[in-house]
PDB file of N, CA and C in Angstrom:
ATOM      1  N   MET A   1      96.478 109.507 104.809  1.00  0.00           N
ATOM      2  CA  MET A   1      96.982 108.421 104.307  1.00  0.00           C
ATOM      3  C   MET A   1      98.010 108.904 103.227  1.00  0.00           C
ATOM      4  N   SER A   2      99.425 108.202 103.041  1.00  0.00           N
ATOM      5  CA  SER A   2     100.094 109.106 102.056  1.00  0.00           C
ATOM      6  C   SER A   2     100.068 107.894 100.779  1.00  0.00           C
ATOM      7  N   ASN A   3     100.406 107.914  99.604  1.00  0.00           N
ATOM      8  CA  ASN A   3     100.592 107.305  98.865  1.00  0.00           C
ATOM      9  C   ASN A   3     102.211 106.603  98.592  1.00  0.00           C
ATOM     10  N   VAL A   4     103.013 107.465  99.696  1.00  0.00           N
ATOM     11  CA  VAL A   4     104.205 107.032  98.917  1.00  0.00           C
ATOM     12  C   VAL A   4     104.647 106.012 100.529  1.00  0.00           C
ATOM     13  N   SER A   5     105.735 105.023  99.943  1.00  0.00           N
ATOM     14  CA  SER A   5     106.106 103.998 100.961  1.00  0.00           C
ATOM     15  C   SER A   5     107.422 104.961 101.696  1.00  0.00           C
ATOM     16  N   GLU A   6     107.458 103.716 102.851  1.00  0.00           N
ATOM     17  CA  GLU A   6     108.703 104.367 103.257  1.00  0.00           C
ATOM     18  C   GLU A   6     110.192 104.281 103.507  1.00  0.00           C
ATOM     19  N   PRO A   7     110.140 103.014 102.241  1.00  0.00           N
ATOM     20  CA  PRO A   7     111.548 103.230 101.397  1.00  0.00           C
ATOM     21  C   PRO A   7     111.723 104.232 100.162  1.00  0.00           C
ATOM     22  N   GLU A   8     110.313 105.354  99.080  1.00  0.00           N
ATOM     23  CA  GLU A   8     110.416 105.881  98.767  1.00  0.00           C
ATOM     24  C   GLU A   8     110.660 106.672  99.002  1.00  0.00           C
ATOM     25  N   LYS A   9     110.494 106.980 100.110  1.00  0.00           N
ATOM     26  CA  LYS A   9     110.156 108.379 101.278  1.00  0.00           C
ATOM     27  C   LYS A   9     111.086 108.180 101.437  1.00  0.00           C
ATOM     28  N   GLU A  10     112.340 107.780 101.621  1.00  0.00           N
ATOM     29  CA  GLU A  10     113.800 107.614 102.532  1.00  0.00           C
ATOM     30  C   GLU A  10     114.285 107.808 101.497  1.00  0.00           C
ATOM     31  N   ILE A  11     114.551 107.474  99.828  1.00  0.00           N
ATOM     32  CA  ILE A  11     115.728 107.469  98.784  1.00  0.00           C
ATOM     33  C   ILE A  11     114.969 109.484  98.747  1.00  0.00           C
ATOM     34  N   ALA A  12     113.318 109.879  98.754  1.00  0.00           N
ATOM     35  CA  ALA A  12     113.753 111.046  98.413  1.00  0.00           C
ATOM     36  C   ALA A  12     114.459 112.419  99.008  1.00  0.00           C
ATOM     37  N   ASP A  13     114.279 111.712 100.793  1.00  0.00           N
ATOM     38  CA  ASP A  13     114.610 112.123 101.735  1.00  0.00           C
ATOM     39  C   ASP A  13     116.283 112.307 100.787  1.00  0.00           C
ATOM     40  N   ASN A  14     117.050 111.100 101.358  1.00  0.00           N
ATOM     41  CA  ASN A  14     118.543 110.686 100.363  1.00  0.00           C
ATOM     42  C   ASN A  14     118.506 111.778  99.329  1.00  0.00           C
ATOM     43  N   GLU A  15     117.758 112.325  98.361  1.00  0.00           N
ATOM     44  CA  GLU A  15     118.428 112.791  97.190  1.00  0.00           C
ATOM     45  C   GLU A  15     118.228 113.994  97.460  1.00  0.00           C
ATOM     46  N   ARG A  16     116.956 114.376  98.209  1.00  0.00           N
ATOM     47  CA  ARG A  16     116.638 116.020  98.254  1.00  0.00           C
ATOM     48  C   ARG A  16     118.357 116.535  99.284  1.00  0.00           C
ATOM     49  N   ARG A  17     118.441 115.943 100.020  1.00  0.00           N
ATOM     50  CA  ARG A  17     119.968 115.726 101.260  1.00  0.00           C
ATOM     51  C   ARG A  17     121.062 116.129 100.106  1.00  0.00           C
ATOM     52  N   SER A  18     121.246 115.061  99.651  1.00  0.00           N
ATOM     53  CA  SER A  18     122.642 115.043  98.190  1.00  0.00           C
ATOM     54  C   SER A  18     122.243 116.526  97.873  1.00  0.00           C
ATOM     55  N   ARG A  19     121.913 116.818  96.765  1.00  0.00           N
ATOM     56  CA  ARG A  19     120.964 117.801  95.823  1.00  0.00           C
ATOM     57  C   ARG A  19     121.858 119.230  97.151  1.00  0.00           C
ATOM     58  N   GLU A  20     121.067 118.965  97.840  1.00  0.00           N
ATOM     59  CA  GLU A  20     121.185 120.210  99.699  1.00  0.00           C
ATOM     60  C   GLU A  20     123.357 120.620  99.666  1.00  0.00           C
ATOM     61  N   GLY A  21     123.329 119.280  99.392  1.00  0.00           N
ATOM     62  CA  GLY A  21     124.727 119.207  99.962  1.00  0.00           C
ATOM     63  C   GLY A  21     124.936 118.416 101.765  1.00  0.00           C
ATOM     64  N   THR A  22     123.359 118.464 102.949  1.00  0.00           N
ATOM     65  CA  THR A  22     123.572 117.869 103.346  1.00  0.00           C
ATOM     66  C   THR A  22     124.012 116.522 103.386  1.00  0.00           C
ATOM     67  N   ALA A  23     123.975 116.051 103.314  1.00  0.00           N
ATOM     68  CA  ALA A  23     124.167 114.397 102.603  1.00  0.00           C
ATOM     69  C   ALA A  23     125.650 113.313 103.190  1.00  0.00           C
ATOM     70  N   GLY A  24     125.419 113.029 104.367  1.00  0.00           N
ATOM     71  CA  GLY A  24     126.824 111.713 105.145  1.00  0.00           C
ATOM     72  C   GLY A  24     127.949 111.315 104.039  1.00  0.00           C
ATOM     73  N   SER A  25     128.396 110.721 104.799  1.00  0.00           N
ATOM     74  CA  SER A  25     129.055 109.630 104.220  1.00  0.00           C
ATOM     75  C   SER A  25     128.200 108.206 104.472  1.00  0.00           C
ATOM     76  N   ILE A  26     128.213 107.103 103.342  1.00  0.00           N
ATOM     77  CA  ILE A  26     127.640 106.510 103.536  1.00  0.00           C
ATOM     78  C   ILE A  26     127.935 105.345 105.017  1.00  0.00           C
ATOM     79  N   TRP A  27     129.417 105.707 105.892  1.00  0.00           N
ATOM     80  CA  TRP A  27     130.240 106.074 106.801  1.00  0.00           C
ATOM     81  C   TRP A  27     129.096 105.835 107.831  1.00  0.00           C
ATOM     82  N   ASP A  28     128.217 106.851 107.710  1.00  0.00           N
ATOM     83  CA  ASP A  28     127.443 107.120 108.555  1.00  0.00           C
ATOM     84  C   ASP A  28     126.245 106.353 108.038  1.00  0.00           C
ATOM     85  N   ASP A  29     125.615 106.307 107.323  1.00  0.00           N
ATOM     86  CA  ASP A  29     124.567 105.765 106.774  1.00  0.00           C
ATOM     87  C   ASP A  29     124.692 104.247 108.021  1.00  0.00           C
ATOM     88  N   ILE A  30     125.969 103.787 107.718  1.00  0.00           N
ATOM     89  CA  ILE A  30     125.904 101.825 108.495  1.00  0.00           C
ATOM     90  C   ILE A  30     125.726 102.450 110.155  1.00  0.00           C
ATOM     91  N   ASP A  31     127.001 103.959 110.162  1.00  0.00           N
ATOM     92  CA  ASP A  31     127.061 103.816 111.935  1.00  0.00           C
ATOM     93  C   ASP A  31     125.598 103.924 112.008  1.00  0.00           C
ATOM     94  N   GLU A  32     124.745 104.593 111.660  1.00  0.00           N
ATOM     95  CA  GLU A  32     123.198 104.468 112.512  1.00  0.00           C
ATOM     96  C   GLU A  32     122.142 103.590 111.934  1.00  0.00           C
ATOM     97  N   ILE A  33     122.109 102.798 111.636  1.00  0.00           N
ATOM     98  CA  ILE A  33     122.280 101.428 111.287  1.00  0.00           C
ATOM     99  C   ILE A  33     122.338 100.577 112.131  1.00  0.00           C
ATOM    100  N   MET A  34     123.428 100.418 112.110  1.00  0.00           N
ATOM    101  CA  MET A  34     124.024  99.207 113.442  1.00  0.00           C
ATOM    102  C   MET A  34     123.746 100.057 114.841  1.00  0.00           C
ATOM    103  N   LEU A  35     123.487 100.745 114.967  1.00  0.00           N
ATOM    104  CA  LEU A  35     123.286 101.223 116.221  1.00  0.00           C
ATOM    105  C   LEU A  35     121.773 100.324 116.989  1.00  0.00           C
ATOM    106  N   GLY A  36     120.547 100.120 115.228  1.00  0.00           N
ATOM    107  CA  GLY A  36     119.835 100.054 116.066  1.00  0.00           C
ATOM    108  C   GLY A  36     119.775  98.062 116.594  1.00  0.00           C
ATOM    109  N   VAL A  37     121.097  97.736 116.215  1.00  0.00           N
ATOM    110  CA  VAL A  37     121.187  96.312 116.636  1.00  0.00           C
ATOM    111  C   VAL A  37     121.913  95.764 117.494  1.00  0.00           C
ATOM    112  N   PRO A  38     121.095  94.760 117.955  1.00  0.00           N
ATOM    113  CA  PRO A  38     120.956  94.432 119.681  1.00  0.00           C
ATOM    114  C   PRO A  38     122.692  93.676 119.536  1.00  0.00           C
ATOM    115  N   GLU A  39     122.992  94.209 120.773  1.00  0.00           N
ATOM    116  CA  GLU A  39     124.378  93.839 120.966  1.00  0.00           C
ATOM    117  C   GLU A  39     124.679  92.229 120.719  1.00  0.00           C
ATOM    118  N   ALA A  40     123.591  91.456 121.524  1.00  0.00           N
ATOM    119  CA  ALA A  40     123.675  89.978 121.509  1.00  0.00           C
ATOM    120  C   ALA A  40     123.481  89.719 120.071  1.00  0.00           C
ATOM    121  N   VAL A  41     123.136  90.025 118.991  1.00  0.00           N
ATOM    122  CA  VAL A  41     123.173  89.414 117.713  1.00  0.00           C
ATOM    123  C   VAL A  41     125.231  89.924 117.137  1.00  0.00           C
ATOM    124  N   LEU A  42     124.795  90.924 117.732  1.00  0.00           N
ATOM    125  CA  LEU A  42     126.432  91.458 117.298  1.00  0.00           C
ATOM    126  C   LEU A  42     127.274  89.881 117.592  1.00  0.00           C
ATOM    127  N   SER A  43     127.226  89.933 118.742  1.00  0.00           N
ATOM    128  CA  SER A  43     127.631  89.347 119.897  1.00  0.00           C
ATOM    129  C   SER A  43     128.180  87.650 119.083  1.00  0.00           C
ATOM    130  N   ARG A  44     127.694  87.631 118.307  1.00  0.00           N
ATOM    131  CA  ARG A  44     127.397  86.372 117.276  1.00  0.00           C
ATOM    132  C   ARG A  44     127.778  86.079 116.350  1.00  0.00           C
ATOM    133  N   LEU A  45     128.499  86.852 115.580  1.00  0.00           N
ATOM    134  CA  LEU A  45     128.988  87.434 114.312  1.00  0.00           C
ATOM    135  C   LEU A  45     129.493  87.433 114.055  1.00  0.00           C
ATOM    136  N   PRO A  46     130.673  85.581 113.447  1.00  0.00           N
ATOM    137  CA  PRO A  46     132.134  85.188 113.825  1.00  0.00           C
ATOM    138  C   PRO A  46     132.921  86.732 113.341  1.00  0.00           C
ATOM    139  N   ALA A  47     134.120  86.630 114.624  1.00  0.00           N
ATOM    140  CA  ALA A  47     135.419  87.438 113.969  1.00  0.00           C
ATOM    141  C   ALA A  47     136.054  87.398 113.434  1.00  0.00           C
ATOM    142  N   ASP A  48     136.724  86.123 112.124  1.00  0.00           N
ATOM    143  CA  ASP A  48     137.160  85.803 111.570  1.00  0.00           C
ATOM    144  C   ASP A  48     136.165  86.213 109.526  1.00  0.00           C
ATOM    145  N   GLY A  49     134.884  86.333 109.768  1.00  0.00           N
ATOM    146  CA  GLY A  49     134.579  86.313 108.898  1.00  0.00           C
ATOM    147  C   GLY A  49     134.941  86.899 107.133  1.00  0.00           C
ATOM    148  N   ALA A  50     135.191  88.251 107.806  1.00  0.00           N
ATOM    149  CA  ALA A  50     136.226  88.689 106.355  1.00  0.00           C
ATOM    150  C   ALA A  50     136.802  87.472 105.528  1.00  0.00           C
ATOM    151  N   GLU A  51     138.160  87.036 106.942  1.00  0.00           N
ATOM    152  CA  GLU A  51     138.848  85.968 106.022  1.00  0.00           C
ATOM    153  C   GLU A  51     138.772  84.495 106.095  1.00  0.00           C
ATOM    154  N   ARG A  52     137.233  83.643 106.268  1.00  0.00           N
ATOM    155  CA  ARG A  52     136.989  83.075 105.962  1.00  0.00           C
ATOM    156  C   ARG A  52     136.059  82.713 105.558  1.00  0.00           C
ATOM    157  N   HIS A  53     135.528  84.085 104.620  1.00  0.00           N
ATOM    158  CA  HIS A  53     133.536  84.930 103.754  1.00  0.00           C
ATOM    159  C   HIS A  53     134.097  82.826 102.727  1.00  0.00           C
ATOM    160  N   ASP A  54     134.438  82.814 101.864  1.00  0.00           N
ATOM    161  CA  ASP A  54     133.837  81.375 101.417  1.00  0.00           C
ATOM    162  C   ASP A  54     133.598  80.335 102.225  1.00  0.00           C
ATOM    163  N   HIS A  55     134.170  80.179 103.878  1.00  0.00           N
ATOM    164  CA  HIS A  55     133.319  78.967 104.410  1.00  0.00           C
ATOM    165  C   HIS A  55     132.019  79.580 105.527  1.00  0.00           C
ATOM    166  N   TYR A  56     132.068  81.100 105.377  1.00  0.00           N
ATOM    167  CA  TYR A  56     130.484  81.034 105.952  1.00  0.00           C
ATOM    168  C   TYR A  56     128.890  81.189 104.522  1.00  0.00           C
ATOM    169  N   LEU A  57     129.910  82.005 103.398  1.00  0.00           N
ATOM    170  CA  LEU A  57     129.025  82.009 102.300  1.00  0.00           C
ATOM    171  C   LEU A  57     128.484  80.638 101.108  1.00  0.00           C
ATOM    172  N   HIS A  58     129.573  79.850 101.433  1.00  0.00           N
ATOM    173  CA  HIS A  58     129.478  78.974 100.268  1.00  0.00           C
ATOM    174  C   HIS A  58     129.306  77.439 100.623  1.00  0.00           C
ATOM    175  N   GLY A  59     129.825  77.051 102.085  1.00  0.00           N
ATOM    176  CA  GLY A  59     130.657  76.515 102.381  1.00  0.00           C
ATOM    177  C   GLY A  59     130.945  74.999 102.422  1.00  0.00           C
ATOM    178  N   ALA A  60     132.225  76.741 101.912  1.00  0.00           N
ATOM    179  CA  ALA A  60     133.795  75.723 101.500  1.00  0.00           C
ATOM    180  C   ALA A  60     134.886  75.099 102.729  1.00  0.00           C
ATOM    181  N   HIS A  61     136.325  74.446 102.339  1.00  0.00           N
ATOM    182  CA  HIS A  61     135.580  73.627 103.187  1.00  0.00           C
ATOM    183  C   HIS A  61     137.207  75.101 104.386  1.00  0.00           C
ATOM    184  N   ARG A  62     137.202  74.865 105.589  1.00  0.00           N
ATOM    185  CA  ARG A  62     138.192  76.257 106.059  1.00  0.00           C
ATOM    186  C   ARG A  62     139.466  76.298 105.618  1.00  0.00           C
ATOM    187  N   LYS A  63     139.756  77.259 105.754  1.00  0.00           N
ATOM    188  CA  LYS A  63     141.092  76.837 105.482  1.00  0.00           C
ATOM    189  C   LYS A  63     142.028  77.467 107.412  1.00  0.00           C
ATOM    190  N   GLU A  64     142.763  76.750 107.255  1.00  0.00           N
ATOM    191  CA  GLU A  64     143.525  77.246 108.342  1.00  0.00           C
ATOM    192  C   GLU A  64     144.674  78.519 108.301  1.00  0.00           C
ATOM    193  N   LYS A  65     144.508  79.117 110.035  1.00  0.00           N
ATOM    194  CA  LYS A  65     145.413  80.443 109.311  1.00  0.00           C
ATOM    195  C   LYS A  65     146.373  80.363 109.678  1.00  0.00           C
ATOM    196  N   GLN A  66     146.892  80.719 108.367  1.00  0.00           N
ATOM    197  CA  GLN A  66     148.791  80.428 108.546  1.00  0.00           C
ATOM    198  C   GLN A  66     149.362  81.935 109.109  1.00  0.00           C
ATOM    199  N   ASP A  67     150.887  81.871 109.514  1.00  0.00           N
ATOM    200  CA  ASP A  67     151.609  82.156 109.957  1.00  0.00           C
ATOM    201  C   ASP A  67     152.052  83.025 109.471  1.00  0.00           C
ATOM    202  N   SER A  68     152.606  84.266 109.457  1.00  0.00           N
ATOM    203  CA  SER A  68     153.962  84.722 108.354  1.00  0.00           C
ATOM    204  C   SER A  68     155.074  84.714 108.733  1.00  0.00           C
TER     205      SER A  68
END
């Protein structure tokens, strides 16, 4: 049994890939993580999350969308 935890092993692997020049971009990492998120969970995310982030994060009153 190893004394190294999974997160520590992942950090070490990332550092090794970075030194070797084989590390992918952060977007590659995000894509890989998102592959494991079920479609049912993704469908529950708000479509306007960026626009109304204060409401979702802090409970601020929703601002109505303004037409340009």
